[in-house]
Structure formats: structure tokens, C-alpha cells
């Protein structure tokens, strides 16, 4: 490689135009060129070593990335299975809740037929009150007649029957 670089620099030195005329006087010596070539060779060796380390790091990263992709795929499969299980449980619970709701509604409706409502209870109470008041008026009329007040009993009965 050093020989190839030397040939290249020699050809280039022949055909190249120096930027300043003063540089023609200061051509590097052969020993100086040898030192520069050795520095270049050691720099190239460092670059090669760094590139080899970089390649190894990239391989390691690729291995880790493929492992992460496998883990990700397994996790997605597990999540899909869990979603399916959750959906099944949700459907089952919804059906059970609906069944319980229908059963309770039917039982409550059955109780409504069996027992009277507030409106029915109020009507019965009103009818009972009317019956009690009618009985009380009749009793008062009988008592007034028994005590010798037939005229007052006739007036009381006339008022209560209207």
C-alpha cells in the first residue's frame, strides 16, 4: 500500500501546479515523506480497527434489535389473546346482568299486581272514610231519635243525605 501511495504522490507532484512559486524551492525530502507515509499508514490502521469495532457494534445492535422484535411480536400476541379473553368475559357479564335485570323487573311487576298501588290505597281509604262517616251520621240520627229529638234527627238526616 505504501508503494501505491508513493507512486500516486509522485505522479501528482509531477502534474500538479503548486499554488505558490516559493513551494518549488521547498520540496519535501525523502525522509520527510517516509515519516508522513508511516503516519498515514498508522492512521489508516486506526481507522480500520475503528471500523472493525463499529461493524461489531452494528452486529450486536442488529442482534439486540431482532431480539426486541421477537419480544414485541410475542407481547402483541399475548395482548391480542388478553383482549379476546376480556371481550369474552365482558359479553358473559353483560348477558348475566341483563338476565338478572329481566328477572328483577318481572318480580317487581308481579309484586305490583299482587299489592295495591298508592292510588288504589288512597281510593280504598277514601271509600272507608265515607263509609265510616255515613255510619256515624246514621248512628247520630238513631241516638237523637232515642233521646227524644226526632225533629233534630230528621234535620240531621236531611243534611247528611244530600
Protein backbone atom coordinates (compact mmCIF):
# COMPACT_ATOMS: atom_id res chain seq x y z
CA UNK A 1 0.00 0.00 0.00
CA UNK A 2 2.84 2.38 0.85
CA UNK A 3 4.32 1.81 -2.62
CA UNK A 4 0.99 2.63 -4.25
CA UNK A 5 0.71 5.84 -2.25
CA UNK A 6 4.26 6.80 -3.19
CA UNK A 7 3.55 6.28 -6.89
CA UNK A 8 0.36 8.30 -6.64
CA UNK A 9 2.03 11.22 -4.86
CA UNK A 10 4.96 11.13 -7.31
CA UNK A 11 2.63 11.33 -10.34
CA UNK A 12 0.62 14.03 -8.69
CA UNK A 13 3.71 16.05 -7.83
CA UNK A 14 4.78 15.98 -11.47
CA UNK A 15 1.42 17.12 -12.90
CA UNK A 16 0.24 19.39 -10.14
CA UNK A 17 0.75 23.10 -10.14
CA UNK A 18 1.93 24.48 -6.86
CA UNK A 19 -0.15 27.37 -5.53
CA UNK A 20 2.91 29.49 -4.91
CA UNK A 21 6.20 29.61 -6.72
CA UNK A 22 8.02 29.55 -3.39
CA UNK A 23 6.90 25.97 -2.79
CA UNK A 24 9.01 24.71 -5.65
CA UNK A 25 12.07 25.54 -3.63
CA UNK A 26 10.81 23.68 -0.56
CA UNK A 27 10.11 20.18 -1.86
CA UNK A 28 9.93 17.66 0.97
CA UNK A 29 12.87 15.41 1.42
CA UNK A 30 12.67 11.63 1.04
CA UNK A 31 12.98 11.05 4.81
CA UNK A 32 10.26 13.55 5.49
CA UNK A 33 7.98 11.77 3.02
CA UNK A 34 8.71 8.42 4.66
CA UNK A 35 7.61 9.80 8.04
CA UNK A 36 4.42 11.16 6.55
CA UNK A 37 3.69 7.81 4.90
CA UNK A 38 4.25 5.95 8.15
CA UNK A 39 1.86 8.36 9.94
CA UNK A 40 -0.70 7.83 7.20
CA UNK A 41 -0.31 4.05 7.45
CA UNK A 42 -0.76 4.11 11.23
CA UNK A 43 -3.79 6.41 10.81
CA UNK A 44 -5.28 4.00 8.25
CA UNK A 45 -4.66 1.11 10.66
CA UNK A 46 -6.50 3.00 13.42
CA UNK A 47 -9.34 3.73 11.02
CA UNK A 48 -9.52 0.02 10.07
CA UNK A 49 -9.55 -1.02 13.73
CA UNK A 50 -12.27 1.54 14.50
CA UNK A 51 -14.30 0.34 11.52
CA UNK A 52 -13.97 -3.28 12.71
CA UNK A 53 -15.19 -2.24 16.17
CA UNK A 54 -18.03 -0.29 14.58
CA UNK A 55 -19.01 -3.33 12.49
CA UNK A 56 -19.01 -5.49 15.62
CA UNK A 57 -21.15 -2.91 17.42
CA UNK A 58 -23.57 -2.78 14.49
CA UNK A 59 -23.82 -6.60 14.51
CA UNK A 60 -24.54 -6.52 18.24
CA UNK A 61 -27.18 -3.83 17.73
CA UNK A 62 -28.78 -5.92 14.95
CA UNK A 63 -28.87 -8.98 17.22
CA UNK A 64 -30.44 -6.99 20.03
CA UNK A 65 -32.90 -5.36 17.64
CA UNK A 66 -34.03 -8.73 16.28
CA UNK A 67 -34.44 -9.98 19.88
CA UNK A 68 -36.55 -6.92 20.68
CA UNK A 69 -38.66 -7.54 17.57
CA UNK A 70 -39.29 -11.13 18.72
CA UNK A 71 -40.25 -9.93 22.19
CA UNK A 72 -42.51 -7.29 20.68
CA UNK A 73 -44.24 -9.86 18.46
CA UNK A 74 -44.78 -12.20 21.44
CA UNK A 75 -46.11 -9.31 23.53
CA UNK A 76 -48.52 -8.30 20.76
CA UNK A 77 -49.77 -11.89 20.51
CA UNK A 78 -50.30 -12.02 24.27
CA UNK A 79 -52.13 -8.69 24.20
CA UNK A 80 -54.39 -9.92 21.40
CA UNK A 81 -55.19 -13.07 23.40
CA UNK A 82 -55.86 -10.99 26.50
CA UNK A 83 -58.15 -8.68 24.51
CA UNK A 84 -60.10 -11.69 23.26
CA UNK A 85 -60.47 -13.02 26.82
CA UNK A 86 -61.61 -9.63 28.10
CA UNK A 87 -64.18 -9.38 25.30
CA UNK A 88 -65.49 -12.85 26.16
CA UNK A 89 -65.75 -12.01 29.87
CA UNK A 90 -67.45 -8.71 29.04
CA UNK A 91 -70.05 -10.44 26.86
CA UNK A 92 -70.69 -13.07 29.54
CA UNK A 93 -71.09 -10.49 32.29
CA UNK A 94 -73.35 -8.33 30.14
CA UNK A 95 -75.58 -11.34 29.46
CA UNK A 96 -75.72 -12.21 33.17
CA UNK A 97 -76.53 -8.62 34.14
CA UNK A 98 -79.29 -8.47 31.52
CA UNK A 99 -80.73 -11.75 32.79
CA UNK A 100 -80.73 -10.52 36.41
CA UNK A 101 -82.32 -7.23 35.33
CA UNK A 102 -85.10 -9.03 33.44
CA UNK A 103 -85.71 -11.37 36.39
CA UNK A 104 -85.93 -8.49 38.87
CA UNK A 105 -88.22 -6.49 36.57
CA UNK A 106 -90.54 -9.49 36.24
CA UNK A 107 -90.60 -9.98 40.03
CA UNK A 108 -91.32 -6.29 40.65
CA UNK A 109 -94.11 -6.35 38.07
CA UNK A 110 -95.54 -9.44 39.81
CA UNK A 111 -95.49 -7.61 43.14
CA UNK A 112 -97.31 -4.65 41.61
CA UNK A 113 -100.14 -6.98 40.54
CA UNK A 114 -100.20 -8.61 43.96
CA UNK A 115 -100.21 -5.50 46.13
CA UNK A 116 -102.20 -2.31 45.67
CA UNK A 117 -100.62 0.87 44.47
CA UNK A 118 -100.70 4.21 46.29
CA UNK A 119 -103.58 5.37 44.14
CA UNK A 120 -105.58 2.24 44.86
CA UNK A 121 -104.78 2.55 48.56
CA UNK A 122 -105.97 6.19 48.59
CA UNK A 123 -109.24 5.23 46.89
CA UNK A 124 -109.84 2.46 49.43
CA UNK A 125 -109.08 4.85 52.30
CA UNK A 126 -111.47 7.46 50.91
CA UNK A 127 -114.22 4.89 50.47
CA UNK A 128 -113.61 3.67 54.02
CA UNK A 129 -113.79 7.23 55.36
CA UNK A 130 -117.09 7.80 53.51
CA UNK A 131 -118.48 4.56 54.96
CA UNK A 132 -117.37 5.50 58.48
CA UNK A 133 -118.89 8.98 58.15
CA UNK A 134 -122.15 7.55 56.79
CA UNK A 135 -122.30 5.06 59.66
CA UNK A 136 -121.57 7.84 62.16
CA UNK A 137 -124.36 10.02 60.70
CA UNK A 138 -126.81 7.13 60.88
CA UNK A 139 -125.78 6.40 64.46
CA UNK A 140 -126.17 10.03 65.42
CA UNK A 141 -129.67 10.05 63.86
CA UNK A 142 -130.66 6.92 65.80
CA UNK A 143 -129.30 8.34 69.04
CA UNK A 144 -131.11 11.65 68.55
CA UNK A 145 -134.42 9.81 68.00
CA UNK A 146 -133.80 7.60 71.04
CA UNK A 147 -133.20 10.65 73.22
CA UNK A 148 -136.42 12.24 72.14
CA UNK A 149 -135.28 14.68 69.48
CA UNK A 150 -136.98 13.37 66.34
CA UNK A 151 -137.14 16.78 64.70
CA UNK A 152 -133.35 17.33 65.06
CA UNK A 153 -132.76 13.77 63.82
CA UNK A 154 -134.86 14.49 60.68
CA UNK A 155 -132.87 17.69 60.01
CA UNK A 156 -129.54 15.86 60.55
CA UNK A 157 -130.55 13.02 58.21
CA UNK A 158 -131.68 15.52 55.55
CA UNK A 159 -128.30 17.27 55.69
CA UNK A 160 -126.28 14.03 55.65
CA UNK A 161 -128.15 12.52 52.67
CA UNK A 162 -127.67 15.43 50.35
